Amino acid sequence: MRTGKTVDIHCRCGFLLFRYFKAGKGRLIKLIISRLSEDNVGLQNVQTFSRPLCPNCASELGIVRIIHGEPALKLNQGSIQSIRI
């Protein structure tokens, strides 16, 4: 795995959703589920094309897709606090 850093991902309401290992620079567009170190939403056993919600405010976080052969959450940019590395 490339070098990177662990980032906290919060909903717009302030609830901690995930701790994620972010590799590379730039905005956070998608979350590869295998890189999650802490999951407060329950993405580990979710089906493809489901739309997870924030447990605190029930806003839609994105859609689970298969990206590069792995399940990933394609984020809805308006539902999380912006993260850029």
N, C-alpha and C. Protein backbone atom coordinates (compact mmCIF):
# COMPACT_ATOMS: atom_id res chain seq x y z
N MET A 1 0.84 -1.17 0.00
CA MET A 1 0.00 0.00 0.00
C MET A 1 0.89 1.23 0.00
N ARG A 2 0.45 2.23 -0.71
CA ARG A 2 1.19 3.48 -0.76
C ARG A 2 1.13 4.20 0.58
N THR A 3 1.94 5.20 0.71
CA THR A 3 1.90 5.99 1.93
C THR A 3 0.64 6.84 1.94
N GLY A 4 0.20 7.16 3.09
CA GLY A 4 -1.01 7.96 3.24
C GLY A 4 -1.20 8.31 4.69
N LYS A 5 -2.41 8.70 5.03
CA LYS A 5 -2.70 9.02 6.42
C LYS A 5 -4.13 8.63 6.75
N THR A 6 -4.37 8.44 8.04
CA THR A 6 -5.71 8.11 8.51
C THR A 6 -6.45 9.41 8.78
N VAL A 7 -7.65 9.54 8.22
CA VAL A 7 -8.45 10.75 8.39
C VAL A 7 -9.78 10.39 9.02
N ASP A 8 -10.33 11.34 9.78
CA ASP A 8 -11.66 11.21 10.35
C ASP A 8 -12.66 11.84 9.39
N ILE A 9 -13.73 11.13 9.11
CA ILE A 9 -14.76 11.63 8.20
C ILE A 9 -16.01 11.88 9.01
N HIS A 10 -16.46 13.14 9.01
CA HIS A 10 -17.61 13.55 9.78
C HIS A 10 -18.75 13.94 8.84
N CYS A 11 -19.97 13.72 9.31
CA CYS A 11 -21.15 14.18 8.60
C CYS A 11 -21.26 15.70 8.78
N ARG A 12 -22.11 16.34 8.01
CA ARG A 12 -22.32 17.78 8.17
C ARG A 12 -22.87 18.12 9.56
N CYS A 13 -23.55 17.16 10.19
CA CYS A 13 -24.10 17.40 11.53
C CYS A 13 -23.03 17.24 12.61
N GLY A 14 -21.83 16.75 12.27
CA GLY A 14 -20.73 16.63 13.21
C GLY A 14 -20.50 15.21 13.71
N PHE A 15 -21.31 14.26 13.33
CA PHE A 15 -21.19 12.87 13.78
C PHE A 15 -20.01 12.20 13.08
N LEU A 16 -19.17 11.48 13.86
CA LEU A 16 -18.02 10.76 13.28
C LEU A 16 -18.53 9.52 12.56
N LEU A 17 -18.37 9.49 11.25
CA LEU A 17 -18.85 8.37 10.44
C LEU A 17 -17.80 7.28 10.30
N PHE A 18 -16.58 7.66 9.89
CA PHE A 18 -15.54 6.68 9.57
C PHE A 18 -14.18 7.21 9.99
N ARG A 19 -13.24 6.28 10.17
CA ARG A 19 -11.80 6.56 10.15
C ARG A 19 -11.30 5.81 8.94
N TYR A 20 -10.62 6.50 8.05
CA TYR A 20 -10.28 5.96 6.74
C TYR A 20 -8.82 6.21 6.42
N PHE A 21 -8.14 5.20 5.84
CA PHE A 21 -6.77 5.38 5.38
C PHE A 21 -6.81 5.98 3.99
N LYS A 22 -6.43 7.26 3.87
CA LYS A 22 -6.46 7.97 2.59
C LYS A 22 -5.08 7.93 1.98
N ALA A 23 -4.99 7.32 0.81
CA ALA A 23 -3.73 7.27 0.06
C ALA A 23 -3.79 8.33 -1.04
N GLY A 24 -2.72 9.05 -1.22
CA GLY A 24 -2.67 10.04 -2.28
C GLY A 24 -3.16 11.41 -1.83
N LYS A 25 -3.14 12.33 -2.79
CA LYS A 25 -3.53 13.71 -2.52
C LYS A 25 -4.89 14.00 -3.12
N GLY A 26 -5.45 15.12 -2.72
CA GLY A 26 -6.70 15.58 -3.32
C GLY A 26 -7.91 15.34 -2.44
N ARG A 27 -9.07 15.61 -3.03
CA ARG A 27 -10.34 15.46 -2.32
C ARG A 27 -10.69 14.01 -2.11
N LEU A 28 -11.54 13.76 -1.16
CA LEU A 28 -12.05 12.42 -0.89
C LEU A 28 -13.31 12.22 -1.73
N ILE A 29 -13.23 11.35 -2.74
CA ILE A 29 -14.33 11.11 -3.65
C ILE A 29 -15.03 9.80 -3.32
N LYS A 30 -14.25 8.77 -3.03
CA LYS A 30 -14.81 7.45 -2.73
C LYS A 30 -14.05 6.82 -1.58
N LEU A 31 -14.75 5.97 -0.83
CA LEU A 31 -14.16 5.23 0.28
C LEU A 31 -14.12 3.77 -0.09
N ILE A 32 -12.94 3.20 -0.20
CA ILE A 32 -12.82 1.76 -0.43
C ILE A 32 -13.05 1.10 0.92
N ILE A 33 -14.03 0.23 1.00
CA ILE A 33 -14.49 -0.30 2.28
C ILE A 33 -13.41 -1.09 3.01
N SER A 34 -12.51 -1.73 2.29
CA SER A 34 -11.45 -2.51 2.96
C SER A 34 -10.44 -1.61 3.67
N ARG A 35 -10.40 -0.32 3.37
CA ARG A 35 -9.46 0.61 4.02
C ARG A 35 -10.04 1.27 5.27
N LEU A 36 -11.27 0.98 5.64
CA LEU A 36 -11.87 1.58 6.82
C LEU A 36 -11.26 0.97 8.07
N SER A 37 -10.82 1.81 9.00
CA SER A 37 -10.32 1.29 10.27
C SER A 37 -11.37 1.38 11.35
N GLU A 38 -12.32 2.31 11.22
CA GLU A 38 -13.44 2.42 12.15
C GLU A 38 -14.68 2.75 11.34
N ASP A 39 -15.76 2.01 11.57
CA ASP A 39 -16.98 2.16 10.80
C ASP A 39 -18.15 2.32 11.75
N ASN A 40 -18.70 3.54 11.87
CA ASN A 40 -19.84 3.79 12.74
C ASN A 40 -21.17 3.75 11.99
N VAL A 41 -21.14 3.43 10.70
CA VAL A 41 -22.35 3.38 9.89
C VAL A 41 -22.76 1.94 9.62
N GLY A 42 -21.79 1.03 9.51
CA GLY A 42 -22.09 -0.38 9.24
C GLY A 42 -21.96 -0.73 7.77
N LEU A 43 -20.89 -0.30 7.13
CA LEU A 43 -20.68 -0.58 5.71
C LEU A 43 -20.06 -1.93 5.43
N GLN A 44 -19.57 -2.63 6.43
CA GLN A 44 -18.80 -3.85 6.18
C GLN A 44 -19.60 -4.92 5.45
N ASN A 45 -20.87 -5.12 5.74
CA ASN A 45 -21.65 -6.18 5.12
C ASN A 45 -22.83 -5.65 4.33
N VAL A 46 -22.69 -4.49 3.74
CA VAL A 46 -23.80 -3.88 3.01
C VAL A 46 -23.78 -4.34 1.54
N GLN A 47 -24.94 -4.37 0.91
CA GLN A 47 -25.05 -4.82 -0.48
C GLN A 47 -24.68 -3.71 -1.45
N THR A 48 -24.32 -4.11 -2.66
CA THR A 48 -24.01 -3.15 -3.72
C THR A 48 -25.28 -2.39 -4.09
N PHE A 49 -25.13 -1.14 -4.44
CA PHE A 49 -26.18 -0.20 -4.83
C PHE A 49 -27.08 0.21 -3.66
N SER A 50 -26.69 -0.07 -2.43
CA SER A 50 -27.45 0.44 -1.30
C SER A 50 -26.98 1.87 -1.01
N ARG A 51 -27.80 2.61 -0.32
CA ARG A 51 -27.51 4.01 -0.02
C ARG A 51 -27.51 4.20 1.50
N PRO A 52 -26.33 4.11 2.15
CA PRO A 52 -26.27 4.23 3.61
C PRO A 52 -26.62 5.64 4.08
N LEU A 53 -27.14 5.72 5.31
CA LEU A 53 -27.56 6.98 5.91
C LEU A 53 -26.74 7.28 7.16
N CYS A 54 -26.64 8.55 7.49
CA CYS A 54 -25.99 8.96 8.74
C CYS A 54 -26.88 8.50 9.90
N PRO A 55 -26.31 7.81 10.90
CA PRO A 55 -27.13 7.36 12.03
C PRO A 55 -27.69 8.51 12.87
N ASN A 56 -27.10 9.69 12.80
CA ASN A 56 -27.52 10.81 13.63
C ASN A 56 -28.60 11.66 12.96
N CYS A 57 -28.41 12.06 11.71
CA CYS A 57 -29.35 12.98 11.06
C CYS A 57 -30.07 12.36 9.86
N ALA A 58 -29.75 11.12 9.50
CA ALA A 58 -30.40 10.38 8.41
C ALA A 58 -30.20 11.01 7.03
N SER A 59 -29.09 11.72 6.81
CA SER A 59 -28.79 12.22 5.48
C SER A 59 -28.08 11.12 4.68
N GLU A 60 -28.34 11.08 3.39
CA GLU A 60 -27.77 10.05 2.52
C GLU A 60 -26.30 10.33 2.27
N LEU A 61 -25.44 9.33 2.50
CA LEU A 61 -23.99 9.52 2.38
C LEU A 61 -23.47 9.27 0.98
N GLY A 62 -24.12 8.45 0.20
CA GLY A 62 -23.66 8.12 -1.14
C GLY A 62 -24.26 6.80 -1.58
N ILE A 63 -23.55 6.12 -2.49
CA ILE A 63 -24.01 4.84 -3.01
C ILE A 63 -22.83 3.86 -3.02
N VAL A 64 -23.10 2.62 -2.65
CA VAL A 64 -22.07 1.59 -2.64
C VAL A 64 -21.98 1.00 -4.04
N ARG A 65 -20.80 1.04 -4.63
CA ARG A 65 -20.55 0.55 -5.98
C ARG A 65 -19.33 -0.36 -5.97
N ILE A 66 -19.13 -1.09 -7.04
CA ILE A 66 -17.89 -1.84 -7.25
C ILE A 66 -16.98 -0.96 -8.09
N ILE A 67 -15.86 -0.53 -7.52
CA ILE A 67 -14.91 0.34 -8.22
C ILE A 67 -13.56 -0.35 -8.20
N HIS A 68 -12.99 -0.60 -9.38
CA HIS A 68 -11.73 -1.31 -9.54
C HIS A 68 -11.77 -2.68 -8.88
N GLY A 69 -12.91 -3.35 -8.95
CA GLY A 69 -13.05 -4.70 -8.43
C GLY A 69 -13.27 -4.81 -6.93
N GLU A 70 -13.42 -3.69 -6.22
CA GLU A 70 -13.63 -3.70 -4.78
C GLU A 70 -14.87 -2.88 -4.45
N PRO A 71 -15.61 -3.27 -3.40
CA PRO A 71 -16.76 -2.44 -2.99
C PRO A 71 -16.27 -1.12 -2.40
N ALA A 72 -16.91 -0.04 -2.81
CA ALA A 72 -16.53 1.30 -2.36
C ALA A 72 -17.77 2.16 -2.23
N LEU A 73 -17.71 3.14 -1.33
CA LEU A 73 -18.79 4.09 -1.15
C LEU A 73 -18.45 5.33 -1.96
N LYS A 74 -19.22 5.59 -3.00
CA LYS A 74 -19.06 6.81 -3.80
C LYS A 74 -19.80 7.90 -3.04
N LEU A 75 -19.06 8.87 -2.51
CA LEU A 75 -19.60 9.84 -1.56
C LEU A 75 -20.47 10.89 -2.21
N ASN A 76 -21.49 11.28 -1.50
CA ASN A 76 -22.32 12.43 -1.83
C ASN A 76 -21.62 13.63 -1.19
N GLN A 77 -21.02 14.49 -1.96
CA GLN A 77 -20.14 15.54 -1.43
C GLN A 77 -20.85 16.52 -0.51
N GLY A 78 -22.15 16.68 -0.64
CA GLY A 78 -22.87 17.61 0.21
C GLY A 78 -23.19 17.07 1.58
N SER A 79 -22.95 15.79 1.82
CA SER A 79 -23.36 15.20 3.09
C SER A 79 -22.21 15.06 4.09
N ILE A 80 -20.95 15.24 3.66
CA ILE A 80 -19.82 15.13 4.58
C ILE A 80 -19.07 16.46 4.64
N GLN A 81 -18.33 16.64 5.72
CA GLN A 81 -17.47 17.82 5.82
C GLN A 81 -16.30 17.62 4.86
N SER A 82 -15.91 18.64 4.14
CA SER A 82 -14.91 18.50 3.10
C SER A 82 -13.55 18.12 3.69
N ILE A 83 -12.89 17.19 3.00
CA ILE A 83 -11.57 16.70 3.39
C ILE A 83 -10.67 16.79 2.16
N ARG A 84 -9.55 17.44 2.32
CA ARG A 84 -8.58 17.54 1.23
C ARG A 84 -7.20 17.39 1.81
N ILE A 85 -6.42 16.50 1.20
CA ILE A 85 -5.05 16.27 1.66
C ILE A 85 -4.10 16.62 0.54
